[in-house]
C-alpha atoms as a PDB file:
ATOM      1  CA  UNK A   1      62.220 101.150  78.516  1.00  0.00           C
ATOM      2  CA  UNK A   2      62.099 104.518  80.284  1.00  0.00           C
ATOM      3  CA  UNK A   3      61.464 102.694  83.559  1.00  0.00           C
ATOM      4  CA  UNK A   4      64.643 100.644  83.443  1.00  0.00           C
ATOM      5  CA  UNK A   5      67.046 101.087  86.367  1.00  0.00           C
ATOM      6  CA  UNK A   6      70.084 103.163  85.355  1.00  0.00           C
ATOM      7  CA  UNK A   7      73.520 101.710  86.036  1.00  0.00           C
ATOM      8  CA  UNK A   8      76.855 103.523  86.115  1.00  0.00           C
ATOM      9  CA  UNK A   9      80.072 101.630  85.426  1.00  0.00           C
ATOM     10  CA  UNK A  10      83.124 103.208  87.059  1.00  0.00           C
ATOM     11  CA  UNK A  11      86.371 101.987  85.506  1.00  0.00           C
ATOM     12  CA  UNK A  12      89.971 103.151  85.540  1.00  0.00           C
ATOM     13  CA  UNK A  13      93.425 101.803  86.284  1.00  0.00           C
ATOM     14  CA  UNK A  14      94.722 100.685  89.673  1.00  0.00           C
ATOM     15  CA  UNK A  15      94.820 103.553  92.145  1.00  0.00           C
ATOM     16  CA  UNK A  16      93.058 106.103  89.938  1.00  0.00           C
ATOM     17  CA  UNK A  17      90.622 106.985  92.746  1.00  0.00           C
ATOM     18  CA  UNK A  18      87.507 105.037  91.756  1.00  0.00           C
ATOM     19  CA  UNK A  19      86.589 104.070  95.315  1.00  0.00           C
ATOM     20  CA  UNK A  20      87.067 107.618  96.596  1.00  0.00           C
ATOM     21  CA  UNK A  21      84.839 108.972  93.821  1.00  0.00           C
ATOM     22  CA  UNK A  22      82.124 106.400  94.571  1.00  0.00           C
ATOM     23  CA  UNK A  23      82.333 107.050  98.302  1.00  0.00           C
ATOM     24  CA  UNK A  24      81.718 110.749  97.687  1.00  0.00           C
ATOM     25  CA  UNK A  25      78.817 109.900  95.355  1.00  0.00           C
ATOM     26  CA  UNK A  26      77.148 107.677  97.941  1.00  0.00           C
ATOM     27  CA  UNK A  27      77.590 110.261 100.694  1.00  0.00           C
ATOM     28  CA  UNK A  28      75.747 112.739  98.459  1.00  0.00           C
ATOM     29  CA  UNK A  29      73.072 110.417  97.109  1.00  0.00           C
ATOM     30  CA  UNK A  30      70.199 112.771  98.071  1.00  0.00           C
ATOM     31  CA  UNK A  31      67.975 109.901  99.156  1.00  0.00           C
ATOM     32  CA  UNK A  32      68.580 107.670  96.142  1.00  0.00           C
ATOM     33  CA  UNK A  33      68.775 103.951  96.922  1.00  0.00           C
ATOM     34  CA  UNK A  34      72.128 103.121  95.335  1.00  0.00           C
ATOM     35  CA  UNK A  35      73.282  99.508  95.125  1.00  0.00           C
ATOM     36  CA  UNK A  36      76.996  99.040  94.608  1.00  0.00           C
ATOM     37  CA  UNK A  37      78.929  96.129  93.115  1.00  0.00           C
ATOM     38  CA  UNK A  38      82.669  96.245  93.870  1.00  0.00           C
ATOM     39  CA  UNK A  39      85.095  94.056  91.927  1.00  0.00           C
ATOM     40  CA  UNK A  40      88.720  93.608  93.004  1.00  0.00           C
ATOM     41  CA  UNK A  41      91.714  91.859  91.486  1.00  0.00           C
ATOM     42  CA  UNK A  42      92.885  89.701  94.374  1.00  0.00           C
ATOM     43  CA  UNK A  43      91.664  87.518  97.211  1.00  0.00           C
ATOM     44  CA  UNK A  44      91.199  90.231  99.838  1.00  0.00           C
ATOM     45  CA  UNK A  45      88.772  93.096  99.329  1.00  0.00           C
ATOM     46  CA  UNK A  46      89.952  96.498 100.509  1.00  0.00           C
ATOM     47  CA  UNK A  47      87.645  98.816  98.585  1.00  0.00           C
ATOM     48  CA  UNK A  48      84.403  97.427 100.059  1.00  0.00           C
ATOM     49  CA  UNK A  49      85.833  97.946 103.530  1.00  0.00           C
ATOM     50  CA  UNK A  50      86.634 101.578 102.715  1.00  0.00           C
ATOM     51  CA  UNK A  51      83.097 102.100 101.462  1.00  0.00           C
ATOM     52  CA  UNK A  52      81.238 100.432 104.328  1.00  0.00           C
ATOM     53  CA  UNK A  53      83.285 102.489 106.785  1.00  0.00           C
ATOM     54  CA  UNK A  54      82.416 105.805 105.142  1.00  0.00           C
ATOM     55  CA  UNK A  55      80.470 106.910 108.242  1.00  0.00           C
ATOM     56  CA  UNK A  56      77.261 107.622 106.341  1.00  0.00           C
ATOM     57  CA  UNK A  57      73.908 105.812 106.327  1.00  0.00           C
ATOM     58  CA  UNK A  58      74.148 105.681 102.517  1.00  0.00           C
ATOM     59  CA  UNK A  59      77.053 103.211 102.850  1.00  0.00           C
ATOM     60  CA  UNK A  60      75.034 100.343 104.317  1.00  0.00           C
ATOM     61  CA  UNK A  61      76.800  97.007 104.034  1.00  0.00           C
ATOM     62  CA  UNK A  62      73.756  95.244 102.586  1.00  0.00           C
ATOM     63  CA  UNK A  63      73.818  97.594  99.587  1.00  0.00           C
ATOM     64  CA  UNK A  64      77.484  96.878  98.771  1.00  0.00           C
ATOM     65  CA  UNK A  65      78.250  93.558  97.059  1.00  0.00           C
ATOM     66  CA  UNK A  66      81.853  92.455  96.652  1.00  0.00           C
ATOM     67  CA  UNK A  67      83.133  90.274  93.824  1.00  0.00           C
ATOM     68  CA  UNK A  68      86.743  89.476  94.754  1.00  0.00           C
ATOM     69  CA  UNK A  69      89.452  87.175  93.388  1.00  0.00           C
ATOM     70  CA  UNK A  70      88.919  87.857  89.715  1.00  0.00           C
ATOM     71  CA  UNK A  71      88.181  90.447  87.087  1.00  0.00           C
ATOM     72  CA  UNK A  72      84.509  90.983  86.430  1.00  0.00           C
ATOM     73  CA  UNK A  73      85.168  91.331  82.695  1.00  0.00           C
ATOM     74  CA  UNK A  74      86.301  87.680  82.639  1.00  0.00           C
ATOM     75  CA  UNK A  75      83.587  86.259  84.919  1.00  0.00           C
ATOM     76  CA  UNK A  76      80.433  87.880  83.534  1.00  0.00           C
ATOM     77  CA  UNK A  77      78.373  84.707  83.323  1.00  0.00           C
ATOM     78  CA  UNK A  78      79.575  83.190  86.601  1.00  0.00           C
ATOM     79  CA  UNK A  79      79.583  86.260  88.846  1.00  0.00           C
ATOM     80  CA  UNK A  80      77.994  89.360  87.353  1.00  0.00           C
ATOM     81  CA  UNK A  81      74.738  87.990  85.931  1.00  0.00           C
ATOM     82  CA  UNK A  82      73.730  86.115  89.145  1.00  0.00           C
ATOM     83  CA  UNK A  83      74.606  89.211  91.201  1.00  0.00           C
ATOM     84  CA  UNK A  84      72.424  91.401  88.985  1.00  0.00           C
ATOM     85  CA  UNK A  85      69.568  88.913  89.189  1.00  0.00           C
ATOM     86  CA  UNK A  86      69.765  88.986  92.986  1.00  0.00           C
ATOM     87  CA  UNK A  87      69.763  92.791  93.028  1.00  0.00           C
ATOM     88  CA  UNK A  88      66.764  92.989  90.712  1.00  0.00           C
ATOM     89  CA  UNK A  89      64.840  90.548  92.915  1.00  0.00           C
ATOM     90  CA  UNK A  90      64.990  92.968  95.853  1.00  0.00           C
ATOM     91  CA  UNK A  91      61.852  94.746  96.961  1.00  0.00           C
ATOM     92  CA  UNK A  92      62.128  97.620  96.632  1.00  0.00           C
ATOM     93  CA  UNK A  93      64.605  97.532  93.775  1.00  0.00           C
ATOM     94  CA  UNK A  94      67.475 100.047  93.864  1.00  0.00           C
ATOM     95  CA  UNK A  95      67.034 103.443  92.225  1.00  0.00           C
ATOM     96  CA  UNK A  96      70.509 103.268  90.729  1.00  0.00           C
ATOM     97  CA  UNK A  97      73.253 100.659  90.414  1.00  0.00           C
ATOM     98  CA  UNK A  98      76.952 101.546  90.503  1.00  0.00           C
ATOM     99  CA  UNK A  99      79.590  99.007  89.459  1.00  0.00           C
ATOM    100  CA  UNK A 100      83.240  99.590  90.340  1.00  0.00           C
ATOM    101  CA  UNK A 101      85.426  97.406  88.143  1.00  0.00           C
ATOM    102  CA  UNK A 102      88.842  96.098  89.012  1.00  0.00           C
ATOM    103  CA  UNK A 103      91.637  98.407  87.918  1.00  0.00           C
ATOM    104  CA  UNK A 104      92.718  95.732  85.447  1.00  0.00           C
ATOM    105  CA  UNK A 105      89.279  95.173  83.918  1.00  0.00           C
ATOM    106  CA  UNK A 106      88.110  96.057  80.447  1.00  0.00           C
ATOM    107  CA  UNK A 107      84.689  97.736  80.628  1.00  0.00           C
ATOM    108  CA  UNK A 108      83.601  96.431  77.200  1.00  0.00           C
ATOM    109  CA  UNK A 109      82.611  92.853  78.190  1.00  0.00           C
ATOM    110  CA  UNK A 110      80.731  94.189  81.201  1.00  0.00           C
ATOM    111  CA  UNK A 111      78.770  96.747  79.164  1.00  0.00           C
ATOM    112  CA  UNK A 112      77.980  94.064  76.604  1.00  0.00           C
ATOM    113  CA  UNK A 113      76.540  91.864  79.367  1.00  0.00           C
ATOM    114  CA  UNK A 114      73.727  94.375  79.807  1.00  0.00           C
ATOM    115  CA  UNK A 115      72.338  93.057  76.524  1.00  0.00           C
ATOM    116  CA  UNK A 116      71.556  89.725  78.163  1.00  0.00           C
ATOM    117  CA  UNK A 117      67.717  89.519  77.937  1.00  0.00           C
ATOM    118  CA  UNK A 118      67.115  89.135  81.699  1.00  0.00           C
ATOM    119  CA  UNK A 119      69.240  92.216  82.391  1.00  0.00           C
ATOM    120  CA  UNK A 120      68.341  94.422  79.413  1.00  0.00           C
ATOM    121  CA  UNK A 121      64.651  94.263  80.254  1.00  0.00           C
ATOM    122  CA  UNK A 122      65.260  95.861  83.652  1.00  0.00           C
ATOM    123  CA  UNK A 123      68.544  97.834  83.497  1.00  0.00           C
ATOM    124  CA  UNK A 124      70.398 100.174  81.142  1.00  0.00           C
ATOM    125  CA  UNK A 125      73.960 101.509  81.301  1.00  0.00           C
ATOM    126  CA  UNK A 126      73.433 105.171  82.092  1.00  0.00           C
ATOM    127  CA  UNK A 127      77.125 105.847  81.514  1.00  0.00           C
ATOM    128  CA  UNK A 128      80.683 104.554  81.680  1.00  0.00           C
ATOM    129  CA  UNK A 129      82.883 106.763  83.864  1.00  0.00           C
ATOM    130  CA  UNK A 130      86.630 106.277  83.393  1.00  0.00           C
ATOM    131  CA  UNK A 131      88.723 107.668  86.252  1.00  0.00           C
ATOM    132  CA  UNK A 132      92.354 108.584  85.540  1.00  0.00           C
ATOM    133  CA  UNK A 133      95.184 109.366  87.936  1.00  0.00           C
ATOM    134  CA  UNK A 134      96.210 112.593  86.193  1.00  0.00           C
ATOM    135  CA  UNK A 135      99.568 112.650  87.996  1.00  0.00           C
ATOM    136  CA  UNK A 136     100.410 109.141  86.786  1.00  0.00           C
ATOM    137  CA  UNK A 137      99.406 110.027  83.227  1.00  0.00           C
ATOM    138  CA  UNK A 138     101.558 113.163  83.320  1.00  0.00           C
ATOM    139  CA  UNK A 139     104.492 111.086  84.560  1.00  0.00           C
ATOM    140  CA  UNK A 140     104.240 108.860  81.486  1.00  0.00           C
ATOM    141  CA  UNK A 141     103.122 105.790  83.403  1.00  0.00           C
ATOM    142  CA  UNK A 142     100.741 104.653  80.652  1.00  0.00           C
ATOM    143  CA  UNK A 143     102.219 106.108  77.474  1.00  0.00           C
ATOM    144  CA  UNK A 144     103.897 103.531  75.280  1.00  0.00           C
ATOM    145  CA  UNK A 145     107.481 104.257  74.275  1.00  0.00           C
ATOM    146  CA  UNK A 146     107.062 103.804  70.534  1.00  0.00           C
ATOM    147  CA  UNK A 147     110.806 103.871  69.799  1.00  0.00           C
ATOM    148  CA  UNK A 148     111.495 101.180  72.385  1.00  0.00           C
ATOM    149  CA  UNK A 149     108.604  99.051  71.151  1.00  0.00           C
ATOM    150  CA  UNK A 150     109.809  99.355  67.568  1.00  0.00           C
ATOM    151  CA  UNK A 151     113.294  98.199  68.566  1.00  0.00           C
ATOM    152  CA  UNK A 152     111.863  95.266  70.532  1.00  0.00           C
ATOM    153  CA  UNK A 153     109.690  94.180  67.596  1.00  0.00           C
ATOM    154  CA  UNK A 154     112.655  94.296  65.232  1.00  0.00           C
ATOM    155  CA  UNK A 155     114.550  92.023  67.617  1.00  0.00           C
ATOM    156  CA  UNK A 156     111.586  89.702  68.228  1.00  0.00           C
ATOM    157  CA  UNK A 157     108.844  89.456  65.614  1.00  0.00           C
ATOM    158  CA  UNK A 158     106.479  87.801  68.100  1.00  0.00           C
ATOM    159  CA  UNK A 159     106.092  91.127  69.933  1.00  0.00           C
ATOM    160  CA  UNK A 160     103.067  92.627  68.233  1.00  0.00           C
ATOM    161  CA  UNK A 161     101.342  94.531  71.002  1.00  0.00           C
ATOM    162  CA  UNK A 162     101.750  97.648  73.095  1.00  0.00           C
ATOM    163  CA  UNK A 163     102.682  97.628  76.775  1.00  0.00           C
ATOM    164  CA  UNK A 164      99.937  96.109  78.967  1.00  0.00           C
ATOM    165  CA  UNK A 165      99.530  99.409  80.817  1.00  0.00           C
ATOM    166  CA  UNK A 166      99.051 101.371  77.618  1.00  0.00           C
ATOM    167  CA  UNK A 167      96.540  98.859  76.267  1.00  0.00           C
ATOM    168  CA  UNK A 168      94.431  99.109  79.422  1.00  0.00           C
ATOM    169  CA  UNK A 169      94.668 102.901  79.259  1.00  0.00           C
ATOM    170  CA  UNK A 170      93.433 102.835  75.654  1.00  0.00           C
ATOM    171  CA  UNK A 171      90.661 100.332  76.299  1.00  0.00           C
ATOM    172  CA  UNK A 172      89.250 102.064  79.366  1.00  0.00           C
ATOM    173  CA  UNK A 173      89.171 105.385  77.494  1.00  0.00           C
ATOM    174  CA  UNK A 174      87.668 103.792  74.383  1.00  0.00           C
ATOM    175  CA  UNK A 175      84.520 102.851  76.308  1.00  0.00           C
ATOM    176  CA  UNK A 176      84.036 106.052  78.317  1.00  0.00           C
ATOM    177  CA  UNK A 177      81.142 108.504  78.293  1.00  0.00           C
ATOM    178  CA  UNK A 178      82.854 110.653  80.924  1.00  0.00           C
ATOM    179  CA  UNK A 179      86.586 110.821  81.693  1.00  0.00           C
ATOM    180  CA  UNK A 180      87.479 112.112  85.162  1.00  0.00           C
ATOM    181  CA  UNK A 181      90.982 113.569  85.434  1.00  0.00           C
ATOM    182  CA  UNK A 182      91.343 112.846  89.125  1.00  0.00           C
ATOM    183  CA  UNK A 183      94.066 114.133  91.486  1.00  0.00           C
ATOM    184  CA  UNK A 184      94.191 117.333  89.435  1.00  0.00           C
ATOM    185  CA  UNK A 185      95.539 119.148  92.493  1.00  0.00           C
ATOM    186  CA  UNK A 186      98.849 117.294  92.046  1.00  0.00           C
ATOM    187  CA  UNK A 187      99.533 118.998  88.698  1.00  0.00           C
ATOM    188  CA  UNK A 188     100.106 122.562  87.554  1.00  0.00           C
ATOM    189  CA  UNK A 189      98.016 124.068  84.765  1.00  0.00           C
ATOM    190  CA  UNK A 190     100.563 123.313  82.056  1.00  0.00           C
ATOM    191  CA  UNK A 191     100.726 119.662  83.075  1.00  0.00           C
ATOM    192  CA  UNK A 192      96.921 119.407  83.201  1.00  0.00           C
ATOM    193  CA  UNK A 193      96.594 120.827  79.707  1.00  0.00           C
ATOM    194  CA  UNK A 194      99.129 118.298  78.443  1.00  0.00           C
ATOM    195  CA  UNK A 195      97.210 115.435  80.080  1.00  0.00           C
ATOM    196  CA  UNK A 196      93.931 116.691  78.620  1.00  0.00           C
ATOM    197  CA  UNK A 197      95.504 116.837  75.153  1.00  0.00           C
ATOM    198  CA  UNK A 198      96.715 113.233  75.497  1.00  0.00           C
ATOM    199  CA  UNK A 199      93.315 112.039  76.716  1.00  0.00           C
ATOM    200  CA  UNK A 200      91.530 113.788  73.854  1.00  0.00           C
ATOM    201  CA  UNK A 201      93.713 111.883  71.377  1.00  0.00           C
ATOM    202  CA  UNK A 202      92.976 108.534  73.032  1.00  0.00           C
ATOM    203  CA  UNK A 203      89.323 108.733  74.147  1.00  0.00           C
ATOM    204  CA  UNK A 204      86.243 108.012  72.095  1.00  0.00           C
ATOM    205  CA  UNK A 205      85.047 111.206  70.444  1.00  0.00           C
ATOM    206  CA  UNK A 206      81.683 111.300  72.238  1.00  0.00           C
ATOM    207  CA  UNK A 207      83.228 111.254  75.710  1.00  0.00           C
ATOM    208  CA  UNK A 208      83.591 114.430  77.759  1.00  0.00           C
ATOM    209  CA  UNK A 209      86.322 115.198  80.305  1.00  0.00           C
ATOM    210  CA  UNK A 210      86.263 116.865  83.694  1.00  0.00           C
ATOM    211  CA  UNK A 211      88.890 117.619  86.339  1.00  0.00           C
ATOM    212  CA  UNK A 212      88.487 116.467  89.930  1.00  0.00           C
ATOM    213  CA  UNK A 213      90.305 116.421  93.249  1.00  0.00           C
ATOM    214  CA  UNK A 214      89.797 113.372  95.506  1.00  0.00           C
ATOM    215  CA  UNK A 215      86.845 112.333  93.341  1.00  0.00           C
ATOM    216  CA  UNK A 216      84.689 115.171  94.629  1.00  0.00           C
ATOM    217  CA  UNK A 217      82.111 115.717  91.899  1.00  0.00           C
ATOM    218  CA  UNK A 218      78.391 116.547  92.170  1.00  0.00           C
ATOM    219  CA  UNK A 219      76.161 113.473  91.670  1.00  0.00           C
ATOM    220  CA  UNK A 220      74.471 115.071  88.650  1.00  0.00           C
ATOM    221  CA  UNK A 221      77.814 115.069  86.843  1.00  0.00           C
ATOM    222  CA  UNK A 222      78.248 111.311  87.232  1.00  0.00           C
ATOM    223  CA  UNK A 223      74.701 109.984  86.912  1.00  0.00           C
ATOM    224  CA  UNK A 224      71.886 110.916  84.594  1.00  0.00           C
ATOM    225  CA  UNK A 225      74.072 110.728  81.471  1.00  0.00           C
ATOM    226  CA  UNK A 226      71.459 108.692  79.587  1.00  0.00           C
ATOM    227  CA  UNK A 227      74.076 107.036  77.384  1.00  0.00           C
ATOM    228  CA  UNK A 228      72.392 103.601  77.024  1.00  0.00           C
ATOM    229  CA  UNK A 229      75.939 102.384  76.380  1.00  0.00           C
ATOM    230  CA  UNK A 230      74.969  98.766  75.762  1.00  0.00           C
ATOM    231  CA  UNK A 231      73.227  99.853  72.542  1.00  0.00           C
ATOM    232  CA  UNK A 232      76.284 101.308  70.783  1.00  0.00           C
ATOM    233  CA  UNK A 233      79.103  98.869  71.470  1.00  0.00           C
ATOM    234  CA  UNK A 234      80.512  99.242  67.957  1.00  0.00           C
ATOM    235  CA  UNK A 235      81.723 102.679  69.048  1.00  0.00           C
ATOM    236  CA  UNK A 236      83.435 101.286  72.166  1.00  0.00           C
ATOM    237  CA  UNK A 237      85.673  98.505  70.884  1.00  0.00           C
ATOM    238  CA  UNK A 238      88.742  97.459  72.855  1.00  0.00           C
ATOM    239  CA  UNK A 239      92.256  97.222  71.401  1.00  0.00           C
ATOM    240  CA  UNK A 240      91.919  93.476  70.767  1.00  0.00           C
ATOM    241  CA  UNK A 241      88.387  93.766  69.403  1.00  0.00           C
ATOM    242  CA  UNK A 242      89.566  96.300  66.837  1.00  0.00           C
ATOM    243  CA  UNK A 243      92.136  93.732  65.715  1.00  0.00           C
ATOM    244  CA  UNK A 244      89.483  91.023  65.457  1.00  0.00           C
ATOM    245  CA  UNK A 245      90.268  89.242  68.755  1.00  0.00           C
ATOM    246  CA  UNK A 246      87.894  88.987  71.703  1.00  0.00           C
ATOM    247  CA  UNK A 247      90.169  87.267  74.215  1.00  0.00           C
ATOM    248  CA  UNK A 248      91.313  89.195  77.261  1.00  0.00           C
ATOM    249  CA  UNK A 249      93.426  87.902  80.110  1.00  0.00           C
ATOM    250  CA  UNK A 250      95.603  89.215  82.886  1.00  0.00           C
ATOM    251  CA  UNK A 251      98.727  87.159  82.285  1.00  0.00           C
ATOM    252  CA  UNK A 252     100.842  90.309  82.497  1.00  0.00           C
ATOM    253  CA  UNK A 253      99.758  90.995  86.094  1.00  0.00           C
ATOM    254  CA  UNK A 254      99.709  89.291  89.470  1.00  0.00           C
ATOM    255  CA  UNK A 255      98.685  90.079  93.041  1.00  0.00           C
ATOM    256  CA  UNK A 256      99.343  88.707  96.499  1.00  0.00           C
ATOM    257  CA  UNK A 257      98.395  89.490 100.090  1.00  0.00           C
ATOM    258  CA  UNK A 258     101.057  90.346 102.644  1.00  0.00           C
ATOM    259  CA  UNK A 259     100.121  89.662 106.275  1.00  0.00           C
ATOM    260  CA  UNK A 260     101.587  92.388 108.461  1.00  0.00           C
ATOM    261  CA  UNK A 261     102.205  92.506 112.223  1.00  0.00           C
ATOM    262  CA  UNK A 262     101.714  95.811 114.080  1.00  0.00           C
ATOM    263  CA  UNK A 263     104.273  98.303 112.771  1.00  0.00           C
ATOM    264  CA  UNK A 264     106.386 100.547 114.975  1.00  0.00           C
ATOM    265  CA  UNK A 265     106.985 103.410 112.533  1.00  0.00           C
ATOM    266  CA  UNK A 266     104.259 103.942 109.918  1.00  0.00           C
ATOM    267  CA  UNK A 267     106.152 106.653 108.065  1.00  0.00           C
ATOM    268  CA  UNK A 268     109.255 104.485 107.725  1.00  0.00           C
ATOM    269  CA  UNK A 269     107.157 101.612 106.405  1.00  0.00           C
ATOM    270  CA  UNK A 270     105.501 103.841 103.774  1.00  0.00           C
ATOM    271  CA  UNK A 271     108.901 105.120 102.702  1.00  0.00           C
ATOM    272  CA  UNK A 272     110.098 101.529 102.329  1.00  0.00           C
ATOM    273  CA  UNK A 273     107.002 100.708 100.253  1.00  0.00           C
ATOM    274  CA  UNK A 274     107.819 103.614  97.949  1.00  0.00           C
ATOM    275  CA  UNK A 275     111.406 102.429  97.576  1.00  0.00           C
ATOM    276  CA  UNK A 276     110.263  98.907  96.718  1.00  0.00           C
ATOM    277  CA  UNK A 277     107.791 100.177  94.123  1.00  0.00           C
ATOM    278  CA  UNK A 278     110.464 102.394  92.569  1.00  0.00           C
ATOM    279  CA  UNK A 279     112.890  99.511  92.032  1.00  0.00           C
ATOM    280  CA  UNK A 280     110.384  96.777  91.117  1.00  0.00           C
ATOM    281  CA  UNK A 281     107.280  96.399  88.964  1.00  0.00           C
ATOM    282  CA  UNK A 282     104.855  96.980  91.851  1.00  0.00           C
ATOM    283  CA  UNK A 283     101.975  99.037  90.450  1.00  0.00           C
ATOM    284  CA  UNK A 284      99.557  99.258  93.356  1.00  0.00           C
ATOM    285  CA  UNK A 285      99.564  98.811  97.132  1.00  0.00           C
ATOM    286  CA  UNK A 286      96.496  99.028  99.349  1.00  0.00           C
ATOM    287  CA  UNK A 287      95.444  97.718 102.701  1.00  0.00           C
ATOM    288  CA  UNK A 288      95.121  98.337 106.424  1.00  0.00           C
ATOM    289  CA  UNK A 289      97.740  98.250 109.173  1.00  0.00           C
ATOM    290  CA  UNK A 290      97.847  98.504 112.931  1.00  0.00           C
ATOM    291  CA  UNK A 291     100.454 100.802 114.461  1.00  0.00           C
ATOM    292  CA  UNK A 292     101.946 100.174 117.899  1.00  0.00           C
ATOM    293  CA  UNK A 293     100.456 102.409 120.617  1.00  0.00           C
ATOM    294  CA  UNK A 294      97.762 103.713 118.228  1.00  0.00           C
ATOM    295  CA  UNK A 295      94.052 103.032 118.595  1.00  0.00           C
ATOM    296  CA  UNK A 296      93.206 103.940 115.003  1.00  0.00           C
ATOM    297  CA  UNK A 297      93.404 101.810 111.855  1.00  0.00           C
ATOM    298  CA  UNK A 298      95.951 102.967 109.287  1.00  0.00           C
ATOM    299  CA  UNK A 299      94.765 102.854 105.671  1.00  0.00           C
ATOM    300  CA  UNK A 300      97.566 102.620 103.113  1.00  0.00           C
ATOM    301  CA  UNK A 301      97.145 103.537  99.440  1.00  0.00           C
ATOM    302  CA  UNK A 302      99.951 103.498  96.893  1.00  0.00           C
ATOM    303  CA  UNK A 303     100.284 104.098  93.160  1.00  0.00           C
ATOM    304  CA  UNK A 304     103.766 103.158  92.054  1.00  0.00           C
ATOM    305  CA  UNK A 305     106.254 104.858  94.412  1.00  0.00           C
ATOM    306  CA  UNK A 306     103.650 107.421  95.550  1.00  0.00           C
ATOM    307  CA  UNK A 307     102.425 106.100  98.922  1.00  0.00           C
ATOM    308  CA  UNK A 308      99.735 107.750 101.076  1.00  0.00           C
ATOM    309  CA  UNK A 309      98.506 106.726 104.517  1.00  0.00           C
ATOM    310  CA  UNK A 310      95.920 108.021 106.967  1.00  0.00           C
ATOM    311  CA  UNK A 311      94.094 106.899 110.096  1.00  0.00           C
ATOM    312  CA  UNK A 312      90.517 106.260 109.016  1.00  0.00           C
ATOM    313  CA  UNK A 313      88.672 104.880 112.074  1.00  0.00           C
ATOM    314  CA  UNK A 314      89.130 103.303 115.513  1.00  0.00           C
ATOM    315  CA  UNK A 315      90.462  99.751 115.544  1.00  0.00           C
ATOM    316  CA  UNK A 316      88.041  96.971 116.397  1.00  0.00           C
ATOM    317  CA  UNK A 317      89.116  94.373 118.967  1.00  0.00           C
ATOM    318  CA  UNK A 318      89.631  91.640 116.362  1.00  0.00           C
ATOM    319  CA  UNK A 319      91.840  93.931 114.273  1.00  0.00           C
ATOM    320  CA  UNK A 320      94.371  94.961 116.921  1.00  0.00           C
ATOM    321  CA  UNK A 321      97.079  92.463 116.017  1.00  0.00           C
ATOM    322  CA  UNK A 322      96.235  92.105 112.330  1.00  0.00           C
ATOM    323  CA  UNK A 323      97.177  93.980 109.209  1.00  0.00           C
ATOM    324  CA  UNK A 324      97.455  93.226 105.526  1.00  0.00           C
ATOM    325  CA  UNK A 325      98.602  94.792 102.294  1.00  0.00           C
ATOM    326  CA  UNK A 326      97.478  93.817  98.800  1.00  0.00           C
ATOM    327  CA  UNK A 327     100.389  94.077  96.357  1.00  0.00           C
ATOM    328  CA  UNK A 328      99.615  94.217  92.610  1.00  0.00           C
ATOM    329  CA  UNK A 329     102.225  94.396  89.889  1.00  0.00           C
ATOM    330  CA  UNK A 330     103.547  93.035  86.650  1.00  0.00           C
ATOM    331  CA  UNK A 331     104.200  89.295  86.471  1.00  0.00           C
ATOM    332  CA  UNK A 332     107.348  88.094  88.170  1.00  0.00           C
ATOM    333  CA  UNK A 333     107.257  89.932  91.505  1.00  0.00           C
ATOM    334  CA  UNK A 334     109.681  88.523  94.072  1.00  0.00           C
ATOM    335  CA  UNK A 335     107.095  87.962  96.790  1.00  0.00           C
ATOM    336  CA  UNK A 336     109.444  86.560  99.416  1.00  0.00           C
ATOM    337  CA  UNK A 337     111.918  89.423  99.023  1.00  0.00           C
ATOM    338  CA  UNK A 338     109.183  92.043  99.266  1.00  0.00           C
ATOM    339  CA  UNK A 339     107.785  90.309 102.360  1.00  0.00           C
ATOM    340  CA  UNK A 340     111.239  90.187 103.941  1.00  0.00           C
ATOM    341  CA  UNK A 341     111.921  93.879 103.323  1.00  0.00           C
ATOM    342  CA  UNK A 342     108.573  94.869 104.851  1.00  0.00           C
ATOM    343  CA  UNK A 343     108.617  92.432 107.766  1.00  0.00           C
ATOM    344  CA  UNK A 344     105.502  90.614 106.624  1.00  0.00           C
ATOM    345  CA  UNK A 345     104.587  87.101 105.490  1.00  0.00           C
ATOM    346  CA  UNK A 346     102.987  85.858 102.285  1.00  0.00           C
END
């Protein structure tokens, strides 16, 4: 058992900074052969592209496997198990496996999959790392409004659950061995202490917390936890499991890809994205754009109305007239209106 390959599951809501944290980990792998499985909610993978373009030999494309168009927690048998079997058949086998879940995934079904005999014999879950956007938590993005929920339930007895964002927040914390309060630089000390107090109330008691900026943490903080998480699932139950239900779906959420022509003014576009997110239920925006008269690719990352952009690398010839944004939000997004406002096509 001591010779089993350790695996780290990195979970956390949309835009928390999971990919940035993993990118930093792989750039500081100290010679470890790390295999990475990236899962995204949507048809187009952005996170794998960010990782393979990290500019480091540790980010080799062959070591990064993408599972797109679905949540890994719902496709364990169809997607995850065959992927793990293929990884374990490699010679040499990886020293460590890192799995980045979709921001809408529950970690519990994935951890439980490590008890499948063909996986358990070779791999153990070294730890579940839950990454939080501390700024978003401080802004109340995940906290359920109990008074509003109570009023809604009194008006409609069929409403018997918390907001979908709060449930995901609870479930991802309930499975954690380590909680990373990312983007800590966006908060003052008083706000950070308030976020830490909230997380302590919600997380499983055995989990520890740590602050981070841009996911920059030493590898020894993230790996080598020795949790063997698959062996104590009774201490990691999700919201629905605690109520005696095992079903999990994503009916509250949707995503679509917006094809974008070269943009003239990147700053104006990002401002428009922020305005759209502020007045709609858009939760997450990510993708790559081309900017007129620029030779660099523009990466766009947004959490709610907070939109960031940066030039990450030179454009390749086949990318010069192409761009796309992945839009994720609550069910009912007006896709055509969003496309019209941004000058793109669905």
